[in-house]
Amino acid sequence: MNGYDRVMKSLRFERVDRAAIIPELIQHNLDIAGETHGRYSNDPNVMCKVILAGLKKYETDAVYVSSDNYLIVEAMGGKVMLPGDEPPQLLKTAVSTIEEAVNLMPLDVNKGRIPVILEATRMLREILGNEIFVKTCIDAAPFSAAASILGSQEMLISLIDEPELCHKFLEICTESVVRYGIAAAEAGAHGIAFGDSVAVLVSKGLYEEFALPYAQRAIAAIKKETGLPVFYHVCGDTKHILDLMAQTGADCLEIDSKVPMALAKEIVNGRCALEGNVSTIEAFYQGTADDVTREAHAILELFGNRGGVILSSACEIPRHSPSENVRALTDAVCNYPYQSPSDS
């Protein structure tokens, strides 16, 4: 069973030879390949080289094609700085008021650095074929994309002061996210991922009104137009919205370490697969290989090899995490004595 098959079977809750592995690796791969973040974020050839270096070292089931969370805002008029060896930094949002935001045109996927992600996706798919799963991140779900384009503080204030304009703006953001998702699929992605981490900052009621319906529409449209699975990520403690996240239509929810995987499994209750959630700081960065192994095995005890789970980091693995800790995730999964838990 190859990596692509393993990921797809896991998403469909089908039995696998072992759990699929997709750690969220971006900056960590730079030193492996001897590259800088500035070159990586702006050159698809470098991006491809860096991602393949990480794949070779850690033997994962998928590659994660991503750079930063500012590609959509940059393409829609924001100003981004590319430091030499640091992640891109947002200097100026695309607009400063909700009144300006509702007059924006939807995303043009040929602008900014979005073509870098798309070309890197094409190159990786050509190289890896259907042996390794190509997971392409398209930045953000509509709600978090809106917060990036307008600015989080202004967006959150506008939810209360100008709700009708926010809904109109979110329509534009939904169309933008769908365009990006379709472009990534056409470039060769096997799966589409996006985050909605600003959504963790709002109440359950505000999430249900402003984040959930637009995530649902974007996911449904991407799946209808491309036939690809969609991964949905929200950082932090999402216990208050996790039941709603399971209603987005995503094929897989990416769970942060602040939410116990056992609780996530109970709440989601088979409505979609789960990905995560070995802690990025306590295990990968500050911990040991044994810490990674212990957390990974605890997750595997919940799922066995029946599918429904993808082993990953809770979020992006910090750049200077010890390589033996990152490698431990693969070893922990491959060496686990699989005995699927009972249905009870």
Protein backbone atom coordinates (compact mmCIF):
# COMPACT_ATOMS: atom_id res chain seq x y z
CA MET A 1 0.00 0.00 0.00
CA ASN A 2 1.54 3.31 -1.03
CA GLY A 3 1.15 6.70 0.63
CA TYR A 4 -1.65 7.92 -1.63
CA ASP A 5 -3.70 4.77 -1.06
CA ARG A 6 -3.08 4.92 2.68
CA VAL A 7 -4.32 8.51 2.96
CA MET A 8 -7.40 7.93 0.82
CA LYS A 9 -8.36 4.77 2.69
CA SER A 10 -7.89 6.56 6.00
CA LEU A 11 -10.24 9.33 4.86
CA ARG A 12 -12.84 6.72 3.88
CA PHE A 13 -12.54 4.80 7.17
CA GLU A 14 -11.19 1.75 5.37
CA ARG A 15 -8.71 -0.66 6.90
CA VAL A 16 -5.07 0.22 6.23
CA ASP A 17 -1.81 -1.60 6.79
CA ARG A 18 -0.84 1.23 9.15
CA ALA A 19 -2.04 4.73 9.87
CA ALA A 20 -1.20 7.43 7.33
CA ILE A 21 1.43 10.03 8.28
CA ILE A 22 1.30 13.71 7.23
CA PRO A 23 3.32 15.92 9.58
CA GLU A 24 2.91 19.63 8.89
CA LEU A 25 6.41 20.47 7.69
CA ILE A 26 7.31 23.83 6.16
CA GLN A 27 10.17 25.70 7.81
CA HIS A 28 11.70 22.57 9.31
CA ASN A 29 12.51 21.28 5.82
CA LEU A 30 14.52 24.38 4.93
CA ASP A 31 17.66 23.38 6.80
CA ILE A 32 17.46 19.84 5.46
CA ALA A 33 17.60 21.24 1.93
CA GLY A 34 20.01 24.07 2.75
CA GLU A 35 17.58 26.77 1.60
CA THR A 36 16.17 30.03 2.93
CA HIS A 37 12.54 30.85 3.53
CA GLY A 38 12.75 33.82 1.17
CA ARG A 39 13.75 31.62 -1.76
CA TYR A 40 11.32 28.90 -0.76
CA SER A 41 8.35 31.27 -0.62
CA ASN A 42 9.07 32.86 -3.99
CA ASP A 43 10.42 30.10 -6.24
CA PRO A 44 8.47 26.92 -7.07
CA ASN A 45 11.67 25.07 -7.96
CA VAL A 46 13.09 25.76 -4.51
CA MET A 47 9.79 24.91 -2.87
CA CYS A 48 9.70 21.58 -4.67
CA LYS A 49 13.31 20.84 -3.72
CA VAL A 50 12.72 21.63 -0.05
CA ILE A 51 9.54 19.56 0.20
CA LEU A 52 11.18 16.56 -1.46
CA ALA A 53 14.13 16.82 0.94
CA GLY A 54 11.76 16.45 3.87
CA LEU A 55 9.94 13.56 2.21
CA LYS A 56 13.19 11.70 1.64
CA LYS A 57 14.34 12.19 5.23
CA TYR A 58 11.10 11.32 7.01
CA GLU A 59 9.36 8.92 4.57
CA THR A 60 5.87 10.29 5.07
CA ASP A 61 2.76 9.35 3.14
CA ALA A 62 2.16 12.84 1.80
CA VAL A 63 3.83 16.12 1.00
CA TYR A 64 2.40 19.38 2.32
CA VAL A 65 2.57 22.22 -0.19
CA SER A 66 2.40 25.47 1.75
CA SER A 67 4.37 28.61 2.48
CA ASP A 68 2.46 31.06 4.69
CA ASN A 69 -1.02 32.46 5.29
CA TYR A 70 -0.66 35.67 3.31
CA LEU A 71 -0.97 34.53 -0.29
CA ILE A 72 -4.65 35.42 -0.67
CA VAL A 73 -4.36 38.84 0.97
CA GLU A 74 -1.25 39.58 -1.09
CA ALA A 75 -2.95 38.64 -4.35
CA MET A 76 -5.93 40.84 -3.43
CA GLY A 77 -3.84 43.94 -2.79
CA GLY A 78 -2.09 43.50 0.55
CA LYS A 79 1.60 44.22 1.01
CA VAL A 80 3.86 41.36 2.10
CA MET A 81 7.57 41.41 2.89
CA LEU A 82 9.77 38.39 2.18
CA PRO A 83 12.67 38.47 4.65
CA GLY A 84 15.78 36.53 3.69
CA ASP A 85 15.28 33.57 5.99
CA GLU A 86 12.13 34.28 7.95
CA PRO A 87 8.50 33.58 7.06
CA PRO A 88 6.74 36.22 4.95
CA GLN A 89 5.32 39.10 6.96
CA LEU A 90 2.14 41.04 6.29
CA LEU A 91 2.90 44.77 6.22
CA LYS A 92 -0.47 46.07 5.07
CA THR A 93 -3.90 44.54 4.63
CA ALA A 94 -5.67 44.77 1.27
CA VAL A 95 -8.34 47.12 2.65
CA SER A 96 -8.88 48.94 5.94
CA THR A 97 -12.67 49.17 6.24
CA ILE A 98 -15.55 46.79 5.68
CA GLU A 99 -17.01 49.33 3.23
CA GLU A 100 -13.90 48.97 1.06
CA ALA A 101 -13.92 45.20 1.45
CA VAL A 102 -17.33 44.70 -0.12
CA ASN A 103 -16.09 46.37 -3.32
CA LEU A 104 -13.20 43.98 -3.86
CA MET A 105 -13.16 41.67 -6.83
CA PRO A 106 -12.78 37.95 -6.10
CA LEU A 107 -9.30 36.44 -6.15
CA ASP A 108 -7.28 36.22 -9.37
CA VAL A 109 -5.17 33.09 -8.96
CA ASN A 110 -2.56 34.44 -11.37
CA LYS A 111 -1.58 37.24 -9.02
CA GLY A 112 0.95 37.45 -6.20
CA ARG A 113 2.70 34.27 -5.12
CA ILE A 114 -0.25 31.95 -5.70
CA PRO A 115 1.37 30.74 -8.96
CA VAL A 116 4.34 29.60 -6.85
CA ILE A 117 2.11 27.23 -4.88
CA LEU A 118 0.35 26.04 -8.02
CA GLU A 119 3.57 25.40 -9.96
CA ALA A 120 5.15 23.59 -7.01
CA THR A 121 2.03 21.43 -6.84
CA ARG A 122 2.35 20.62 -10.56
CA MET A 123 6.01 19.70 -10.20
CA LEU A 124 5.45 17.50 -7.16
CA ARG A 125 2.53 15.67 -8.75
CA GLU A 126 4.59 15.05 -11.87
CA ILE A 127 7.46 13.65 -9.78
CA LEU A 128 5.40 11.68 -7.24
CA GLY A 129 2.50 10.56 -9.41
CA ASN A 130 -0.04 8.64 -7.36
CA GLU A 131 2.53 7.11 -5.02
CA ILE A 132 2.65 9.94 -2.48
CA PHE A 133 -0.37 12.09 -1.59
CA VAL A 134 0.02 15.75 -2.62
CA LYS A 135 -1.79 17.94 -0.08
CA THR A 136 -1.93 21.58 -1.15
CA CYS A 137 -2.83 24.33 1.29
CA ILE A 138 -4.87 27.19 -0.16
CA ASP A 139 -4.38 29.45 2.85
CA ALA A 140 -7.69 30.03 4.54
CA ALA A 141 -11.38 29.28 4.74
CA PRO A 142 -13.60 32.25 3.86
CA PHE A 143 -13.89 33.63 7.41
CA SER A 144 -10.16 33.65 8.10
CA ALA A 145 -9.44 34.88 4.58
CA ALA A 146 -11.73 37.83 5.29
CA ALA A 147 -9.90 38.55 8.53
CA SER A 148 -6.59 38.50 6.70
CA ILE A 149 -7.75 40.76 3.85
CA LEU A 150 -9.41 43.31 6.15
CA GLY A 151 -7.46 42.78 9.37
CA SER A 152 -8.61 40.57 12.23
CA GLN A 153 -9.52 43.38 14.60
CA GLU A 154 -11.52 45.30 12.01
CA MET A 155 -13.29 42.12 10.88
CA LEU A 156 -14.25 41.09 14.40
CA ILE A 157 -15.59 44.55 15.19
CA SER A 158 -17.54 44.58 11.92
CA LEU A 159 -19.30 41.33 12.83
CA ILE A 160 -21.17 43.30 15.47
CA ASP A 161 -21.33 46.75 13.87
CA GLU A 162 -21.92 45.82 10.22
CA PRO A 163 -23.17 42.22 9.99
CA GLU A 164 -24.85 42.66 6.60
CA LEU A 165 -21.67 44.02 5.03
CA CYS A 166 -19.70 41.16 6.60
CA HIS A 167 -21.97 38.63 4.93
CA LYS A 168 -21.52 40.39 1.59
CA PHE A 169 -17.74 40.40 2.06
CA LEU A 170 -17.76 36.73 3.02
CA GLU A 171 -19.50 35.95 -0.28
CA ILE A 172 -16.50 37.48 -2.08
CA CYS A 173 -14.09 35.52 0.09
CA THR A 174 -15.97 32.27 -0.53
CA GLU A 175 -15.74 32.73 -4.29
CA SER A 176 -12.02 33.50 -3.88
CA VAL A 177 -11.32 30.37 -1.86
CA VAL A 178 -13.23 28.21 -4.33
CA ARG A 179 -11.23 29.64 -7.25
CA TYR A 180 -7.98 28.86 -5.45
CA GLY A 181 -9.12 25.34 -4.62
CA ILE A 182 -10.09 24.59 -8.22
CA ALA A 183 -6.75 25.96 -9.44
CA ALA A 184 -4.86 23.74 -6.98
CA ALA A 185 -6.82 20.72 -8.18
CA GLU A 186 -6.06 21.56 -11.80
CA ALA A 187 -2.39 21.80 -10.85
CA GLY A 188 -2.46 18.21 -9.63
CA ALA A 189 -3.23 18.26 -5.91
CA HIS A 190 -4.69 15.07 -4.45
CA GLY A 191 -6.28 17.00 -1.57
CA ILE A 192 -7.06 20.60 -0.64
CA ALA A 193 -6.36 22.05 2.81
CA PHE A 194 -7.19 25.36 4.39
CA GLY A 195 -7.27 26.87 7.86
CA ASP A 196 -9.86 28.86 9.76
CA SER A 197 -7.91 29.73 12.85
CA VAL A 198 -9.40 33.18 13.39
CA ALA A 199 -12.69 31.35 13.94
CA VAL A 200 -11.48 30.04 17.30
CA LEU A 201 -11.58 33.63 18.60
CA VAL A 202 -15.34 34.01 18.26
CA SER A 203 -18.26 32.55 20.19
CA LYS A 204 -20.10 29.46 19.04
CA GLY A 205 -22.98 31.66 17.91
CA LEU A 206 -20.80 33.94 15.81
CA TYR A 207 -19.00 30.92 14.33
CA GLU A 208 -22.34 29.41 13.37
CA GLU A 209 -23.48 32.62 11.68
CA PHE A 210 -20.32 33.90 10.01
CA ALA A 211 -17.81 31.07 9.64
CA LEU A 212 -19.71 27.79 9.30
CA PRO A 213 -22.03 28.56 6.34
CA TYR A 214 -19.23 29.95 4.21
CA ALA A 215 -16.88 27.08 5.04
CA GLN A 216 -19.70 24.72 4.09
CA ARG A 217 -20.28 26.46 0.78
CA ALA A 218 -16.59 26.62 -0.10
CA ILE A 219 -16.02 22.96 0.76
CA ALA A 220 -19.11 21.81 -1.11
CA ALA A 221 -18.16 23.79 -4.21
CA ILE A 222 -14.55 22.59 -4.20
CA LYS A 223 -15.62 18.97 -3.78
CA LYS A 224 -18.26 19.27 -6.49
CA GLU A 225 -15.91 20.88 -8.99
CA THR A 226 -12.81 18.79 -8.25
CA GLY A 227 -13.88 15.56 -6.56
CA LEU A 228 -10.99 15.98 -4.10
CA PRO A 229 -11.04 15.59 -0.32
CA VAL A 230 -10.83 18.76 1.77
CA PHE A 231 -8.92 19.18 5.05
CA TYR A 232 -10.10 21.85 7.53
CA HIS A 233 -7.76 23.23 10.21
CA VAL A 234 -8.52 25.43 13.21
CA CYS A 235 -5.71 26.12 15.68
CA GLY A 236 -6.17 26.24 19.42
CA ASP A 237 -8.87 25.02 21.76
CA THR A 238 -11.82 24.30 19.48
CA LYS A 239 -13.93 22.31 21.92
CA HIS A 240 -16.70 24.95 21.81
CA ILE A 241 -17.08 24.71 18.02
CA LEU A 242 -15.88 21.20 17.24
CA ASP A 243 -19.37 19.81 16.73
CA LEU A 244 -20.01 22.59 14.19
CA MET A 245 -16.65 22.01 12.50
CA ALA A 246 -17.82 18.46 11.83
CA GLN A 247 -20.75 19.96 9.91
CA THR A 248 -18.55 21.83 7.41
CA GLY A 249 -18.50 18.90 5.00
CA ALA A 250 -14.73 18.54 5.30
CA ASP A 251 -13.38 15.05 4.79
CA CYS A 252 -10.87 15.57 7.59
CA LEU A 253 -10.62 17.92 10.57
CA GLU A 254 -7.11 18.81 11.72
CA ILE A 255 -7.10 18.82 15.52
CA ASP A 256 -4.77 20.90 17.70
CA SER A 257 -3.16 19.35 20.79
CA LYS A 258 -5.32 21.55 23.03
CA VAL A 259 -8.19 19.20 22.22
CA PRO A 260 -7.71 15.59 23.41
CA MET A 261 -8.04 13.26 20.44
CA ALA A 262 -10.34 10.99 22.43
CA LEU A 263 -12.73 13.90 22.96
CA ALA A 264 -12.52 14.92 19.31
CA LYS A 265 -13.31 11.36 18.25
CA GLU A 266 -16.31 11.30 20.57
CA ILE A 267 -17.71 14.64 19.40
CA VAL A 268 -17.13 14.11 15.69
CA ASN A 269 -18.48 10.55 15.95
CA GLY A 270 -17.41 9.30 12.54
CA ARG A 271 -18.76 12.22 10.50
CA CYS A 272 -15.29 12.79 9.06
CA ALA A 273 -11.73 11.65 9.59
CA LEU A 274 -9.41 13.33 12.10
CA GLU A 275 -5.82 14.45 11.69
CA GLY A 276 -3.30 15.31 14.40
CA ASN A 277 -2.47 15.97 17.03
CA VAL A 278 1.01 15.30 18.45
CA SER A 279 1.99 18.51 20.26
CA THR A 280 4.27 20.79 18.30
CA ILE A 281 5.96 22.41 21.31
CA GLU A 282 5.87 19.88 24.16
CA ALA A 283 6.72 16.85 22.01
CA PHE A 284 8.39 17.87 18.74
CA TYR A 285 10.26 21.00 19.82
CA GLN A 286 10.93 20.71 23.55
CA GLY A 287 10.44 17.00 24.03
CA THR A 288 12.18 13.79 23.03
CA ALA A 289 11.58 11.05 20.51
CA ASP A 290 9.98 9.06 23.32
CA ASP A 291 7.49 11.88 23.90
CA VAL A 292 6.50 11.85 20.24
CA THR A 293 6.17 8.08 20.29
CA ARG A 294 4.04 8.11 23.42
CA GLU A 295 1.61 10.69 22.02
CA ALA A 296 1.42 8.96 18.65
CA HIS A 297 0.73 5.58 20.22
CA ALA A 298 -2.02 7.06 22.40
CA ILE A 299 -3.78 8.23 19.25
CA LEU A 300 -3.29 4.90 17.52
CA GLU A 301 -4.85 3.12 20.50
CA LEU A 302 -8.07 4.99 19.70
CA PHE A 303 -8.18 4.03 16.02
CA GLY A 304 -5.91 1.06 15.33
CA ASN A 305 -5.67 0.46 11.60
CA ARG A 306 -9.34 0.87 10.77
CA GLY A 307 -8.85 4.23 9.10
CA GLY A 308 -10.44 7.45 10.18
CA VAL A 309 -7.21 9.00 11.45
CA ILE A 310 -4.09 10.56 9.97
CA LEU A 311 -1.12 10.96 12.28
CA SER A 312 0.28 14.47 12.19
CA SER A 313 1.58 17.33 14.25
CA ALA A 314 -0.99 19.52 15.98
CA CYS A 315 0.16 22.42 13.80
CA GLU A 316 3.34 23.31 11.90
CA ILE A 317 6.41 21.64 13.41
CA PRO A 318 8.84 24.36 14.61
CA ARG A 319 11.84 24.85 12.36
CA HIS A 320 14.53 23.85 14.84
CA SER A 321 12.81 20.80 16.28
CA PRO A 322 15.29 17.91 16.65
CA SER A 323 15.21 15.75 13.55
CA GLU A 324 15.09 12.61 15.68
CA ASN A 325 11.80 13.84 17.14
CA VAL A 326 10.29 14.35 13.70
CA ARG A 327 11.56 10.99 12.52
CA ALA A 328 10.02 9.42 15.62
CA LEU A 329 6.53 10.04 14.25
CA THR A 330 7.18 7.80 11.25
CA ASP A 331 8.90 5.18 13.39
CA ALA A 332 6.12 5.24 15.99
CA VAL A 333 3.47 4.60 13.35
CA CYS A 334 5.42 1.96 11.46
CA ASN A 335 6.41 0.06 14.62
CA TYR A 336 3.04 0.17 16.35
CA PRO A 337 1.58 -3.31 17.08
CA TYR A 338 -1.71 -2.82 15.26
CA GLN A 339 -4.66 -4.43 16.92
CA SER A 340 -7.78 -2.50 16.04
CA PRO A 341 -9.87 -1.58 19.08
CA SER A 342 -13.26 -3.15 19.47
CA ASP A 343 -16.32 -1.28 18.32
CA SER A 344 -17.38 -0.91 21.90
